[in-house]
Protein backbone atom coordinates (compact mmCIF):
# COMPACT_ATOMS: atom_id res chain seq x y z
CA UNK A 1 3.74 -36.54 -36.45
CA UNK A 2 1.11 -39.12 -36.42
CA UNK A 3 -2.73 -38.91 -36.81
CA UNK A 4 -5.11 -40.78 -35.61
CA UNK A 5 -8.68 -41.25 -35.04
CA UNK A 6 -10.57 -42.11 -31.46
CA UNK A 7 -13.60 -43.53 -30.72
CA UNK A 8 -15.54 -41.26 -28.21
CA UNK A 9 -19.27 -41.01 -26.47
CA UNK A 10 -21.25 -38.54 -24.04
CA UNK A 11 -24.65 -39.15 -22.15
CA UNK A 12 -26.09 -36.79 -19.93
CA UNK A 13 -25.61 -37.41 -16.11
CA UNK A 14 -28.88 -36.14 -15.08
CA UNK A 15 -30.79 -38.91 -16.16
CA UNK A 16 -29.10 -41.06 -13.91
CA UNK A 17 -28.01 -39.17 -10.87
CA UNK A 18 -30.25 -37.17 -8.85
CA UNK A 19 -27.48 -34.79 -7.34
CA UNK A 20 -26.66 -33.30 -11.32
CA UNK A 21 -27.11 -30.53 -13.18
CA UNK A 22 -29.09 -30.50 -16.34
CA UNK A 23 -25.75 -29.82 -17.85
CA UNK A 24 -23.27 -32.17 -16.16
CA UNK A 25 -22.39 -35.23 -18.49
CA UNK A 26 -19.69 -38.03 -18.42
CA UNK A 27 -17.41 -38.49 -22.13
CA UNK A 28 -15.69 -41.96 -22.32
CA UNK A 29 -12.83 -41.68 -25.16
CA UNK A 30 -10.79 -44.94 -26.02
CA UNK A 31 -7.34 -44.94 -26.19
CA UNK A 32 -5.57 -44.97 -29.78
CA UNK A 33 -3.96 -48.27 -28.78
CA UNK A 34 -7.43 -49.49 -27.35
CA UNK A 35 -6.19 -50.67 -24.18
CA UNK A 36 -8.34 -48.01 -21.97
CA UNK A 37 -10.25 -45.38 -22.04
CA UNK A 38 -10.19 -41.74 -21.10
CA UNK A 39 -13.17 -40.70 -18.76
CA UNK A 40 -14.27 -37.22 -18.62
CA UNK A 41 -17.11 -36.08 -15.98
CA UNK A 42 -18.47 -32.35 -16.37
CA UNK A 43 -19.76 -31.07 -13.73
CA UNK A 44 -21.41 -27.61 -12.67
CA UNK A 45 -18.59 -27.62 -9.21
CA UNK A 46 -15.49 -28.79 -11.74
CA UNK A 47 -14.57 -31.49 -14.34
CA UNK A 48 -12.79 -35.00 -13.87
CA UNK A 49 -10.71 -36.78 -15.64
CA UNK A 50 -9.40 -40.62 -15.51
CA UNK A 51 -7.63 -42.61 -17.45
CA UNK A 52 -8.05 -46.31 -16.80
CA UNK A 53 -7.15 -49.57 -18.65
CA UNK A 54 -10.04 -52.19 -19.38
CA UNK A 55 -7.82 -54.24 -16.74
CA UNK A 56 -8.51 -51.60 -14.12
CA UNK A 57 -12.27 -51.40 -15.17
CA UNK A 58 -13.11 -55.07 -15.03
CA UNK A 59 -11.52 -54.76 -11.55
CA UNK A 60 -13.25 -51.79 -10.76
CA UNK A 61 -16.58 -53.26 -12.06
CA UNK A 62 -16.15 -56.68 -9.36
CA UNK A 63 -15.36 -54.46 -6.39
CA UNK A 64 -18.76 -52.42 -6.77
CA UNK A 65 -20.62 -55.10 -7.43
CA UNK A 66 -19.19 -56.59 -3.89
CA UNK A 67 -20.76 -53.62 -2.00
CA UNK A 68 -24.22 -53.89 -3.65
């Protein structure tokens, strides 16, 4: 077995999304190898988890920027 510590941060969705409930949140946890993050989205209608590399995240930001 191997034990390690991972960095994580959490924030309320309600401040950023008018559809969010006051209990909704997003939590990002960095992978132990530092190559990506797990994103947990907590909503009153159900939770969702996304695992994404930093490279995929950069592409996603570019794609969303192209839509704006």
